[in-house]
Amino acid sequence: RKIRAVNKAKGERGERLTTNVPYGYKRDSDDPKKWVIDEEAARVVKRIFALCMEGKGPSQIAALLEKEKVLNPTAYKQREGRKTPHQTPENEYRWHESIVAYILEYMEYTGCTVNFKTYTNSIWDKKQRENPIENRKIFYNTHPAIISLEVFDKVQEIRQQRHRRTATGKSNMFFGLVFCNDCKQKFYYSTTSYFEKR
């Protein structure tokens, strides 16, 4: 209980609660608590955001980075001699779409600290649950930004309205825009190669 109380107080003050330095940053040699930009990795982060702005999805971006032989975050950190909680990947150039999606949603790239992203119900229930955005604490300008807030917001908007392709390769221009008047749920475009032309 004391540890939870201390962490809550630190988070409320704006102290960073995470111990892992994200891909694109490294620890300041003069002050380990500070993050500074890792130029090589930051270029990849900027490219991922730029590709998303061009309309590419996480799976397309991941395939492109793998094709170009760009080291994935775990392999890159290990090459630089930094600690990482993940095991050495079999293919150091393999990018999973989940990694790309995580980077695109990581608000800390705008130079802010986000605390209380997850929570646990009690000291006996250790399961991490995602905290709603309104329950998080955001502190701006706590470290150098790799991505501007405008670009980050635009990417979130693009990802909310992204067009999913069906198995037949078709997509619909109204995806994410049309809702049921009764239940308010989103309409999904459905197609199959067995549909008649009419």
N, C-alpha and C. Protein backbone atom coordinates (compact mmCIF):
# COMPACT_ATOMS: atom_id res chain seq x y z
N ARG A 1 0.83 -1.20 0.00
CA ARG A 1 0.00 0.00 0.00
C ARG A 1 0.87 1.26 0.00
N LYS A 2 1.98 1.19 0.77
CA LYS A 2 2.88 2.35 0.83
C LYS A 2 3.54 2.58 -0.53
N ILE A 3 3.94 1.49 -1.19
CA ILE A 3 4.56 1.60 -2.51
C ILE A 3 3.59 2.21 -3.51
N ARG A 4 2.33 1.75 -3.48
CA ARG A 4 1.31 2.30 -4.37
C ARG A 4 1.10 3.79 -4.10
N ALA A 5 1.09 4.16 -2.83
CA ALA A 5 0.89 5.56 -2.45
C ALA A 5 2.06 6.43 -2.93
N VAL A 6 3.28 5.91 -2.78
CA VAL A 6 4.48 6.64 -3.22
C VAL A 6 4.47 6.83 -4.73
N ASN A 7 4.16 5.75 -5.46
CA ASN A 7 4.10 5.84 -6.93
C ASN A 7 3.02 6.80 -7.39
N LYS A 8 1.88 6.80 -6.70
CA LYS A 8 0.79 7.72 -7.06
C LYS A 8 1.24 9.17 -6.86
N ALA A 9 1.93 9.42 -5.75
CA ALA A 9 2.41 10.78 -5.46
C ALA A 9 3.45 11.22 -6.50
N LYS A 10 4.34 10.30 -6.87
CA LYS A 10 5.36 10.62 -7.89
C LYS A 10 4.71 10.93 -9.23
N GLY A 11 3.71 10.10 -9.59
CA GLY A 11 3.01 10.30 -10.86
C GLY A 11 2.24 11.60 -10.90
N GLU A 12 1.66 11.98 -9.76
CA GLU A 12 0.90 13.23 -9.68
C GLU A 12 1.82 14.44 -9.80
N ARG A 13 3.08 14.27 -9.33
CA ARG A 13 4.06 15.38 -9.41
C ARG A 13 4.65 15.54 -10.81
N GLY A 14 4.43 14.53 -11.65
CA GLY A 14 4.98 14.60 -13.00
C GLY A 14 6.26 13.81 -13.19
N GLU A 15 6.67 13.06 -12.16
CA GLU A 15 7.85 12.21 -12.31
C GLU A 15 7.50 11.02 -13.19
N ARG A 16 8.41 10.66 -14.07
CA ARG A 16 8.17 9.56 -15.00
C ARG A 16 8.15 8.24 -14.25
N LEU A 17 7.09 7.44 -14.45
CA LEU A 17 6.94 6.18 -13.71
C LEU A 17 7.56 4.99 -14.45
N THR A 18 7.70 5.10 -15.77
CA THR A 18 8.28 3.99 -16.52
C THR A 18 9.80 3.96 -16.38
N THR A 19 10.36 2.76 -16.33
CA THR A 19 11.83 2.62 -16.24
C THR A 19 12.44 2.32 -17.60
N ASN A 20 11.60 1.91 -18.57
CA ASN A 20 12.10 1.59 -19.91
C ASN A 20 12.16 2.84 -20.78
N VAL A 21 13.30 3.03 -21.43
CA VAL A 21 13.45 4.15 -22.35
C VAL A 21 12.94 3.70 -23.72
N PRO A 22 11.97 4.41 -24.30
CA PRO A 22 11.38 3.96 -25.56
C PRO A 22 12.34 4.09 -26.74
N TYR A 23 12.07 3.31 -27.78
CA TYR A 23 12.81 3.37 -29.04
C TYR A 23 12.73 4.78 -29.59
N GLY A 24 13.88 5.36 -29.92
CA GLY A 24 13.92 6.75 -30.39
C GLY A 24 14.59 7.67 -29.38
N TYR A 25 14.71 7.18 -28.14
CA TYR A 25 15.37 7.95 -27.08
C TYR A 25 16.48 7.12 -26.43
N LYS A 26 17.32 7.79 -25.68
CA LYS A 26 18.33 7.12 -24.86
C LYS A 26 18.52 7.95 -23.59
N ARG A 27 19.14 7.37 -22.59
CA ARG A 27 19.36 8.10 -21.34
C ARG A 27 20.45 9.16 -21.52
N ASP A 28 20.27 10.28 -20.85
CA ASP A 28 21.28 11.33 -20.85
C ASP A 28 22.48 10.85 -20.05
N SER A 29 23.65 10.95 -20.61
CA SER A 29 24.87 10.47 -19.92
C SER A 29 25.14 11.24 -18.63
N ASP A 30 24.68 12.50 -18.56
CA ASP A 30 24.89 13.31 -17.35
C ASP A 30 23.81 13.08 -16.30
N ASP A 31 22.59 12.76 -16.76
CA ASP A 31 21.48 12.53 -15.83
C ASP A 31 20.64 11.36 -16.35
N PRO A 32 20.80 10.16 -15.78
CA PRO A 32 20.08 8.96 -16.25
C PRO A 32 18.56 9.08 -16.22
N LYS A 33 18.02 10.03 -15.44
CA LYS A 33 16.57 10.19 -15.38
C LYS A 33 16.03 10.94 -16.60
N LYS A 34 16.93 11.60 -17.33
CA LYS A 34 16.51 12.39 -18.49
C LYS A 34 16.61 11.57 -19.77
N TRP A 35 15.69 11.84 -20.69
CA TRP A 35 15.73 11.22 -22.02
C TRP A 35 16.26 12.23 -23.03
N VAL A 36 17.15 11.78 -23.89
CA VAL A 36 17.61 12.59 -25.02
C VAL A 36 17.33 11.82 -26.30
N ILE A 37 17.25 12.53 -27.41
CA ILE A 37 16.92 11.89 -28.68
C ILE A 37 18.07 11.05 -29.20
N ASP A 38 17.76 9.82 -29.59
CA ASP A 38 18.70 8.93 -30.27
C ASP A 38 18.46 9.15 -31.77
N GLU A 39 19.35 9.90 -32.40
CA GLU A 39 19.12 10.38 -33.77
C GLU A 39 18.83 9.26 -34.77
N GLU A 40 19.57 8.16 -34.70
CA GLU A 40 19.38 7.08 -35.67
C GLU A 40 17.99 6.46 -35.55
N ALA A 41 17.59 6.13 -34.31
CA ALA A 41 16.28 5.53 -34.09
C ALA A 41 15.16 6.55 -34.32
N ALA A 42 15.42 7.82 -33.98
CA ALA A 42 14.40 8.87 -34.16
C ALA A 42 14.06 9.05 -35.63
N ARG A 43 15.04 8.86 -36.51
CA ARG A 43 14.78 8.97 -37.95
C ARG A 43 13.77 7.92 -38.40
N VAL A 44 13.88 6.72 -37.82
CA VAL A 44 12.95 5.62 -38.15
C VAL A 44 11.55 5.95 -37.63
N VAL A 45 11.49 6.49 -36.41
CA VAL A 45 10.20 6.88 -35.82
C VAL A 45 9.51 7.93 -36.70
N LYS A 46 10.28 8.95 -37.11
CA LYS A 46 9.73 10.00 -37.98
C LYS A 46 9.23 9.41 -39.30
N ARG A 47 9.98 8.45 -39.82
CA ARG A 47 9.60 7.83 -41.10
C ARG A 47 8.29 7.05 -40.94
N ILE A 48 8.14 6.35 -39.81
CA ILE A 48 6.91 5.59 -39.55
C ILE A 48 5.70 6.53 -39.53
N PHE A 49 5.84 7.67 -38.86
CA PHE A 49 4.75 8.64 -38.81
C PHE A 49 4.48 9.23 -40.20
N ALA A 50 5.55 9.50 -40.95
CA ALA A 50 5.39 10.06 -42.30
C ALA A 50 4.67 9.08 -43.22
N LEU A 51 5.02 7.79 -43.13
CA LEU A 51 4.38 6.76 -43.95
C LEU A 51 2.90 6.63 -43.61
N CYS A 52 2.58 6.76 -42.32
CA CYS A 52 1.18 6.70 -41.90
C CYS A 52 0.41 7.90 -42.46
N MET A 53 1.06 9.08 -42.46
CA MET A 53 0.44 10.29 -43.01
C MET A 53 0.15 10.12 -44.50
N GLU A 54 0.96 9.28 -45.16
CA GLU A 54 0.77 9.01 -46.59
C GLU A 54 -0.35 8.00 -46.84
N GLY A 55 -0.88 7.42 -45.76
CA GLY A 55 -2.00 6.50 -45.90
C GLY A 55 -1.66 5.04 -45.72
N LYS A 56 -0.41 4.74 -45.35
CA LYS A 56 -0.02 3.34 -45.15
C LYS A 56 -0.38 2.87 -43.74
N GLY A 57 -0.83 1.62 -43.64
CA GLY A 57 -1.19 1.03 -42.36
C GLY A 57 0.00 0.36 -41.69
N PRO A 58 -0.13 -0.06 -40.42
CA PRO A 58 0.97 -0.70 -39.69
C PRO A 58 1.59 -1.90 -40.39
N SER A 59 0.76 -2.77 -40.98
CA SER A 59 1.29 -3.96 -41.65
C SER A 59 2.10 -3.59 -42.88
N GLN A 60 1.65 -2.57 -43.63
CA GLN A 60 2.39 -2.11 -44.81
C GLN A 60 3.72 -1.46 -44.41
N ILE A 61 3.69 -0.67 -43.34
CA ILE A 61 4.91 -0.02 -42.85
C ILE A 61 5.90 -1.06 -42.35
N ALA A 62 5.41 -2.06 -41.60
CA ALA A 62 6.26 -3.13 -41.08
C ALA A 62 6.94 -3.90 -42.21
N ALA A 63 6.18 -4.21 -43.26
CA ALA A 63 6.72 -4.94 -44.41
C ALA A 63 7.79 -4.12 -45.12
N LEU A 64 7.58 -2.81 -45.22
CA LEU A 64 8.53 -1.93 -45.89
C LEU A 64 9.83 -1.83 -45.11
N LEU A 65 9.75 -1.69 -43.78
CA LEU A 65 10.94 -1.59 -42.94
C LEU A 65 11.75 -2.89 -42.99
N GLU A 66 11.03 -4.03 -43.00
CA GLU A 66 11.71 -5.32 -43.09
C GLU A 66 12.42 -5.46 -44.44
N LYS A 67 11.76 -5.03 -45.49
CA LYS A 67 12.33 -5.10 -46.84
C LYS A 67 13.59 -4.25 -46.96
N GLU A 68 13.60 -3.12 -46.25
CA GLU A 68 14.74 -2.20 -46.28
C GLU A 68 15.82 -2.56 -45.27
N LYS A 69 15.64 -3.68 -44.56
CA LYS A 69 16.63 -4.19 -43.59
C LYS A 69 16.89 -3.19 -42.46
N VAL A 70 15.81 -2.64 -41.92
CA VAL A 70 15.91 -1.74 -40.76
C VAL A 70 15.81 -2.60 -39.50
N LEU A 71 16.77 -2.47 -38.60
CA LEU A 71 16.75 -3.26 -37.36
C LEU A 71 15.49 -2.93 -36.56
N ASN A 72 14.83 -3.98 -36.03
CA ASN A 72 13.66 -3.72 -35.18
C ASN A 72 14.13 -3.18 -33.82
N PRO A 73 13.25 -2.56 -33.02
CA PRO A 73 13.66 -1.91 -31.77
C PRO A 73 14.48 -2.78 -30.83
N THR A 74 14.09 -4.06 -30.65
CA THR A 74 14.82 -4.94 -29.75
C THR A 74 16.24 -5.19 -30.26
N ALA A 75 16.37 -5.52 -31.54
CA ALA A 75 17.69 -5.78 -32.13
C ALA A 75 18.55 -4.53 -32.09
N TYR A 76 17.94 -3.38 -32.32
CA TYR A 76 18.69 -2.12 -32.32
C TYR A 76 19.25 -1.82 -30.93
N LYS A 77 18.41 -1.97 -29.90
CA LYS A 77 18.85 -1.70 -28.53
C LYS A 77 19.97 -2.66 -28.12
N GLN A 78 19.84 -3.93 -28.52
CA GLN A 78 20.87 -4.91 -28.18
C GLN A 78 22.18 -4.60 -28.89
N ARG A 79 22.08 -4.12 -30.12
CA ARG A 79 23.30 -3.73 -30.86
C ARG A 79 24.01 -2.57 -30.18
N GLU A 80 23.20 -1.67 -29.59
CA GLU A 80 23.76 -0.50 -28.91
C GLU A 80 24.21 -0.82 -27.48
N GLY A 81 23.99 -2.07 -27.05
CA GLY A 81 24.42 -2.48 -25.72
C GLY A 81 23.51 -2.02 -24.60
N ARG A 82 22.23 -1.78 -24.93
CA ARG A 82 21.27 -1.35 -23.92
C ARG A 82 20.41 -2.52 -23.46
N LYS A 83 19.94 -2.42 -22.22
CA LYS A 83 19.09 -3.48 -21.67
C LYS A 83 17.71 -3.42 -22.31
N THR A 84 17.14 -4.59 -22.57
CA THR A 84 15.79 -4.68 -23.09
C THR A 84 15.11 -5.90 -22.46
N PRO A 85 13.82 -5.79 -22.12
CA PRO A 85 13.13 -6.92 -21.49
C PRO A 85 12.84 -8.07 -22.45
N HIS A 86 13.04 -7.84 -23.75
CA HIS A 86 12.71 -8.85 -24.75
C HIS A 86 13.91 -9.71 -25.14
N GLN A 87 13.62 -10.93 -25.56
CA GLN A 87 14.68 -11.84 -25.99
C GLN A 87 15.19 -11.44 -27.38
N THR A 88 16.39 -11.90 -27.70
CA THR A 88 16.97 -11.61 -29.01
C THR A 88 16.08 -12.20 -30.10
N PRO A 89 15.62 -11.39 -31.05
CA PRO A 89 14.74 -11.90 -32.11
C PRO A 89 15.48 -12.80 -33.09
N GLU A 90 14.76 -13.79 -33.63
CA GLU A 90 15.37 -14.69 -34.62
C GLU A 90 15.73 -13.90 -35.88
N ASN A 91 14.82 -13.05 -36.32
CA ASN A 91 15.06 -12.20 -37.47
C ASN A 91 15.12 -10.76 -36.98
N GLU A 92 16.31 -10.17 -36.95
CA GLU A 92 16.48 -8.83 -36.39
C GLU A 92 15.86 -7.73 -37.26
N TYR A 93 15.44 -8.09 -38.47
CA TYR A 93 14.81 -7.11 -39.35
C TYR A 93 13.28 -7.29 -39.41
N ARG A 94 12.77 -8.25 -38.64
CA ARG A 94 11.33 -8.52 -38.67
C ARG A 94 10.59 -7.52 -37.81
N TRP A 95 9.72 -6.72 -38.43
CA TRP A 95 8.89 -5.76 -37.72
C TRP A 95 7.46 -6.29 -37.67
N HIS A 96 6.91 -6.41 -36.46
CA HIS A 96 5.51 -6.81 -36.32
C HIS A 96 4.63 -5.57 -36.42
N GLU A 97 3.47 -5.73 -37.00
CA GLU A 97 2.58 -4.58 -37.15
C GLU A 97 2.17 -4.01 -35.79
N SER A 98 2.16 -4.86 -34.75
CA SER A 98 1.80 -4.38 -33.41
C SER A 98 2.84 -3.39 -32.88
N ILE A 99 4.12 -3.59 -33.24
CA ILE A 99 5.19 -2.67 -32.82
C ILE A 99 4.98 -1.31 -33.50
N VAL A 100 4.67 -1.35 -34.80
CA VAL A 100 4.44 -0.12 -35.55
C VAL A 100 3.22 0.62 -34.98
N ALA A 101 2.15 -0.11 -34.70
CA ALA A 101 0.93 0.49 -34.13
C ALA A 101 1.23 1.12 -32.77
N TYR A 102 2.04 0.44 -31.96
CA TYR A 102 2.42 0.94 -30.63
C TYR A 102 3.17 2.27 -30.77
N ILE A 103 4.12 2.32 -31.71
CA ILE A 103 4.89 3.55 -31.94
C ILE A 103 3.96 4.69 -32.37
N LEU A 104 3.02 4.38 -33.26
CA LEU A 104 2.11 5.41 -33.77
C LEU A 104 1.17 5.95 -32.69
N GLU A 105 0.96 5.18 -31.62
CA GLU A 105 0.06 5.60 -30.55
C GLU A 105 0.80 6.08 -29.30
N TYR A 106 2.14 6.13 -29.37
CA TYR A 106 2.95 6.46 -28.20
C TYR A 106 3.11 7.98 -28.08
N MET A 107 2.32 8.58 -27.22
CA MET A 107 2.24 10.05 -27.12
C MET A 107 3.54 10.69 -26.63
N GLU A 108 4.37 9.91 -25.94
CA GLU A 108 5.63 10.44 -25.41
C GLU A 108 6.55 10.98 -26.50
N TYR A 109 6.32 10.56 -27.76
CA TYR A 109 7.14 11.08 -28.86
C TYR A 109 6.90 12.56 -29.10
N THR A 110 5.84 13.13 -28.51
CA THR A 110 5.57 14.56 -28.66
C THR A 110 6.27 15.38 -27.58
N GLY A 111 7.06 14.70 -26.73
CA GLY A 111 7.81 15.40 -25.69
C GLY A 111 7.11 15.49 -24.35
N CYS A 112 6.06 14.70 -24.16
CA CYS A 112 5.32 14.74 -22.89
C CYS A 112 5.51 13.45 -22.10
N THR A 113 5.19 13.52 -20.83
CA THR A 113 5.20 12.33 -19.96
C THR A 113 3.74 11.97 -19.68
N VAL A 114 3.41 10.70 -19.88
CA VAL A 114 2.05 10.22 -19.63
C VAL A 114 2.10 9.19 -18.51
N ASN A 115 1.51 9.52 -17.38
CA ASN A 115 1.48 8.60 -16.23
C ASN A 115 0.09 7.98 -16.05
N PHE A 116 0.07 6.85 -15.36
CA PHE A 116 -1.17 6.12 -15.05
C PHE A 116 -1.87 5.61 -16.30
N LYS A 117 -1.08 5.04 -17.23
CA LYS A 117 -1.68 4.44 -18.43
C LYS A 117 -2.45 3.18 -18.08
N THR A 118 -1.97 2.47 -17.07
CA THR A 118 -2.64 1.24 -16.63
C THR A 118 -2.87 1.30 -15.13
N TYR A 119 -3.70 0.40 -14.65
CA TYR A 119 -3.97 0.33 -13.21
C TYR A 119 -4.26 -1.11 -12.82
N THR A 120 -4.14 -1.40 -11.54
CA THR A 120 -4.53 -2.70 -11.00
C THR A 120 -5.63 -2.45 -9.97
N ASN A 121 -6.54 -3.40 -9.83
CA ASN A 121 -7.69 -3.22 -8.93
C ASN A 121 -7.29 -3.18 -7.46
N SER A 122 -6.31 -4.01 -7.09
CA SER A 122 -5.90 -4.06 -5.69
C SER A 122 -4.50 -4.64 -5.61
N ILE A 123 -3.95 -4.69 -4.40
CA ILE A 123 -2.61 -5.26 -4.23
C ILE A 123 -2.63 -6.78 -4.40
N TRP A 124 -3.83 -7.37 -4.40
CA TRP A 124 -3.93 -8.82 -4.60
C TRP A 124 -4.21 -9.17 -6.06
N ASP A 125 -4.84 -8.27 -6.76
CA ASP A 125 -5.13 -8.49 -8.18
C ASP A 125 -4.11 -7.72 -9.01
N LYS A 126 -3.11 -8.42 -9.55
CA LYS A 126 -1.99 -7.76 -10.24
C LYS A 126 -2.25 -7.52 -11.73
N LYS A 127 -3.41 -7.91 -12.22
CA LYS A 127 -3.67 -7.78 -13.65
C LYS A 127 -3.69 -6.30 -14.07
N GLN A 128 -2.89 -5.99 -15.11
CA GLN A 128 -2.81 -4.61 -15.61
C GLN A 128 -4.00 -4.33 -16.52
N ARG A 129 -4.71 -3.26 -16.24
CA ARG A 129 -5.84 -2.85 -17.06
C ARG A 129 -5.58 -1.46 -17.62
N GLU A 130 -6.05 -1.22 -18.83
CA GLU A 130 -5.81 0.07 -19.47
C GLU A 130 -6.69 1.14 -18.84
N ASN A 131 -6.06 2.26 -18.52
CA ASN A 131 -6.78 3.38 -17.91
C ASN A 131 -7.38 4.26 -19.00
N PRO A 132 -8.62 4.71 -18.86
CA PRO A 132 -9.19 5.64 -19.84
C PRO A 132 -8.34 6.92 -19.91
N ILE A 133 -8.32 7.57 -21.06
CA ILE A 133 -7.48 8.75 -21.28
C ILE A 133 -7.76 9.85 -20.26
N GLU A 134 -9.02 9.96 -19.82
CA GLU A 134 -9.37 11.04 -18.87
C GLU A 134 -8.79 10.80 -17.47
N ASN A 135 -8.39 9.54 -17.18
CA ASN A 135 -7.81 9.23 -15.87
C ASN A 135 -6.28 9.27 -15.88
N ARG A 136 -5.69 9.55 -17.02
CA ARG A 136 -4.23 9.64 -17.11
C ARG A 136 -3.77 11.06 -16.81
N LYS A 137 -2.51 11.16 -16.39
CA LYS A 137 -1.92 12.47 -16.13
C LYS A 137 -0.88 12.74 -17.23
N ILE A 138 -1.06 13.85 -17.95
CA ILE A 138 -0.15 14.21 -19.04
C ILE A 138 0.59 15.49 -18.68
N PHE A 139 1.92 15.43 -18.76
CA PHE A 139 2.77 16.59 -18.47
C PHE A 139 3.55 16.91 -19.74
N TYR A 140 3.35 18.10 -20.28
CA TYR A 140 3.93 18.48 -21.56
C TYR A 140 5.35 19.04 -21.41
N ASN A 141 6.12 18.92 -22.50
CA ASN A 141 7.48 19.48 -22.58
C ASN A 141 8.41 18.98 -21.48
N THR A 142 8.39 17.68 -21.23
CA THR A 142 9.27 17.11 -20.20
C THR A 142 10.58 16.56 -20.81
N HIS A 143 10.61 16.41 -22.13
CA HIS A 143 11.82 15.95 -22.82
C HIS A 143 11.71 16.38 -24.29
N PRO A 144 12.80 16.29 -25.06
CA PRO A 144 12.76 16.73 -26.47
C PRO A 144 11.75 15.92 -27.28
N ALA A 145 11.02 16.60 -28.14
CA ALA A 145 10.00 15.94 -28.98
C ALA A 145 10.60 15.43 -30.28
N ILE A 146 10.17 14.24 -30.70
CA ILE A 146 10.57 13.68 -32.00
C ILE A 146 9.48 14.02 -33.02
N ILE A 147 8.23 13.99 -32.57
CA ILE A 147 7.07 14.25 -33.42
C ILE A 147 6.30 15.44 -32.86
N SER A 148 5.84 16.33 -33.72
CA SER A 148 5.04 17.46 -33.24
C SER A 148 3.65 16.96 -32.81
N LEU A 149 3.04 17.70 -31.91
CA LEU A 149 1.71 17.33 -31.41
C LEU A 149 0.69 17.34 -32.55
N GLU A 150 0.87 18.26 -33.51
CA GLU A 150 -0.05 18.36 -34.65
C GLU A 150 0.01 17.09 -35.51
N VAL A 151 1.25 16.62 -35.77
CA VAL A 151 1.43 15.40 -36.57
C VAL A 151 0.86 14.20 -35.82
N PHE A 152 1.11 14.12 -34.51
CA PHE A 152 0.61 13.01 -33.70
C PHE A 152 -0.92 12.97 -33.74
N ASP A 153 -1.56 14.14 -33.55
CA ASP A 153 -3.03 14.20 -33.57
C ASP A 153 -3.58 13.81 -34.93
N LYS A 154 -2.91 14.25 -35.99
CA LYS A 154 -3.36 13.92 -37.35
C LYS A 154 -3.28 12.42 -37.60
N VAL A 155 -2.20 11.80 -37.12
CA VAL A 155 -2.03 10.35 -37.29
C VAL A 155 -3.12 9.58 -36.53
N GLN A 156 -3.47 10.06 -35.33
CA GLN A 156 -4.54 9.39 -34.57
C GLN A 156 -5.86 9.48 -35.32
N GLU A 157 -6.09 10.65 -35.95
CA GLU A 157 -7.30 10.86 -36.72
C GLU A 157 -7.33 9.94 -37.94
N ILE A 158 -6.20 9.82 -38.61
CA ILE A 158 -6.10 8.94 -39.78
C ILE A 158 -6.37 7.50 -39.38
N ARG A 159 -5.79 7.09 -38.24
CA ARG A 159 -5.95 5.70 -37.79
C ARG A 159 -7.39 5.39 -37.36
N GLN A 160 -8.09 6.41 -36.87
CA GLN A 160 -9.50 6.22 -36.51
C GLN A 160 -10.36 6.02 -37.74
N GLN A 161 -9.98 6.68 -38.83
CA GLN A 161 -10.78 6.65 -40.06
C GLN A 161 -10.18 5.74 -41.13
N ARG A 162 -9.22 4.90 -40.73
CA ARG A 162 -8.52 4.09 -41.74
C ARG A 162 -9.49 3.12 -42.43
N HIS A 163 -9.23 2.86 -43.69
CA HIS A 163 -10.07 1.96 -44.49
C HIS A 163 -9.48 0.56 -44.46
N ARG A 164 -10.22 -0.37 -43.95
CA ARG A 164 -9.76 -1.76 -43.93
C ARG A 164 -10.14 -2.44 -45.25
N ARG A 165 -9.19 -3.13 -45.82
CA ARG A 165 -9.48 -3.88 -47.03
C ARG A 165 -10.06 -5.24 -46.66
N THR A 166 -11.00 -5.72 -47.48
CA THR A 166 -11.57 -7.04 -47.25
C THR A 166 -10.68 -8.08 -47.90
N ALA A 167 -11.02 -9.35 -47.72
CA ALA A 167 -10.21 -10.44 -48.29
C ALA A 167 -10.14 -10.36 -49.81
N THR A 168 -11.15 -9.76 -50.42
CA THR A 168 -11.16 -9.66 -51.88
C THR A 168 -10.34 -8.47 -52.38
N GLY A 169 -9.80 -7.66 -51.42
CA GLY A 169 -8.98 -6.52 -51.80
C GLY A 169 -9.75 -5.23 -51.98
N LYS A 170 -11.06 -5.27 -51.74
CA LYS A 170 -11.89 -4.07 -51.92
C LYS A 170 -12.03 -3.33 -50.59
N SER A 171 -12.19 -2.02 -50.68
CA SER A 171 -12.47 -1.23 -49.49
C SER A 171 -13.60 -0.26 -49.82
N ASN A 172 -14.17 0.36 -48.80
CA ASN A 172 -15.30 1.25 -49.01
C ASN A 172 -14.99 2.64 -48.49
N MET A 173 -15.33 3.66 -49.26
CA MET A 173 -15.01 5.04 -48.90
C MET A 173 -15.78 5.52 -47.66
N PHE A 174 -16.85 4.81 -47.27
CA PHE A 174 -17.65 5.23 -46.12
C PHE A 174 -17.26 4.50 -44.83
N PHE A 175 -16.18 3.68 -44.88
CA PHE A 175 -15.79 2.93 -43.68
C PHE A 175 -15.48 3.89 -42.53
N GLY A 176 -16.07 3.60 -41.38
CA GLY A 176 -15.84 4.42 -40.19
C GLY A 176 -16.68 5.68 -40.12
N LEU A 177 -17.52 5.89 -41.13
CA LEU A 177 -18.33 7.12 -41.18
C LEU A 177 -19.82 6.86 -41.06
N VAL A 178 -20.25 5.61 -41.32
CA VAL A 178 -21.68 5.30 -41.34
C VAL A 178 -22.05 4.46 -40.11
N PHE A 179 -23.11 4.89 -39.41
CA PHE A 179 -23.53 4.23 -38.18
C PHE A 179 -25.02 3.86 -38.25
N CYS A 180 -25.40 2.83 -37.52
CA CYS A 180 -26.80 2.41 -37.44
C CYS A 180 -27.58 3.44 -36.62
N ASN A 181 -28.74 3.82 -37.12
CA ASN A 181 -29.55 4.83 -36.44
C ASN A 181 -30.17 4.29 -35.15
N ASP A 182 -30.33 2.97 -35.06
CA ASP A 182 -30.98 2.37 -33.89
C ASP A 182 -29.99 2.04 -32.77
N CYS A 183 -28.96 1.27 -33.11
CA CYS A 183 -28.03 0.82 -32.06
C CYS A 183 -26.75 1.66 -31.99
N LYS A 184 -26.57 2.58 -32.95
CA LYS A 184 -25.42 3.49 -32.99
C LYS A 184 -24.09 2.80 -33.24
N GLN A 185 -24.13 1.53 -33.65
CA GLN A 185 -22.89 0.80 -33.94
C GLN A 185 -22.40 1.13 -35.35
N LYS A 186 -21.10 0.98 -35.54
CA LYS A 186 -20.49 1.28 -36.83
C LYS A 186 -20.86 0.22 -37.87
N PHE A 187 -21.14 0.66 -39.09
CA PHE A 187 -21.38 -0.27 -40.20
C PHE A 187 -20.06 -0.76 -40.76
N TYR A 188 -20.01 -2.02 -41.14
CA TYR A 188 -18.81 -2.59 -41.76
C TYR A 188 -19.11 -3.02 -43.18
N TYR A 189 -18.16 -2.82 -44.06
CA TYR A 189 -18.32 -3.19 -45.46
C TYR A 189 -18.07 -4.69 -45.59
N SER A 190 -19.02 -5.40 -46.13
CA SER A 190 -18.92 -6.85 -46.27
C SER A 190 -18.96 -7.23 -47.75
N THR A 191 -18.05 -8.12 -48.14
CA THR A 191 -18.05 -8.57 -49.53
C THR A 191 -17.52 -10.00 -49.60
N THR A 192 -17.85 -10.67 -50.67
CA THR A 192 -17.36 -12.02 -50.89
C THR A 192 -17.31 -12.28 -52.38
N SER A 193 -16.48 -13.19 -52.80
CA SER A 193 -16.36 -13.49 -54.22
C SER A 193 -17.60 -14.24 -54.74
N TYR A 194 -18.48 -14.67 -53.80
CA TYR A 194 -19.68 -15.42 -54.19
C TYR A 194 -20.88 -14.51 -54.44
N PHE A 195 -20.78 -13.22 -54.13
CA PHE A 195 -21.90 -12.30 -54.40
C PHE A 195 -22.16 -12.24 -55.91
N GLU A 196 -23.44 -12.17 -56.26
CA GLU A 196 -23.78 -11.97 -57.68
C GLU A 196 -23.48 -10.52 -58.07
N LYS A 197 -23.26 -10.26 -59.34
CA LYS A 197 -22.91 -8.93 -59.82
C LYS A 197 -23.93 -7.89 -59.39
N ARG A 198 -25.23 -8.28 -59.41
CA ARG A 198 -26.27 -7.31 -59.08
C ARG A 198 -26.22 -6.88 -57.64
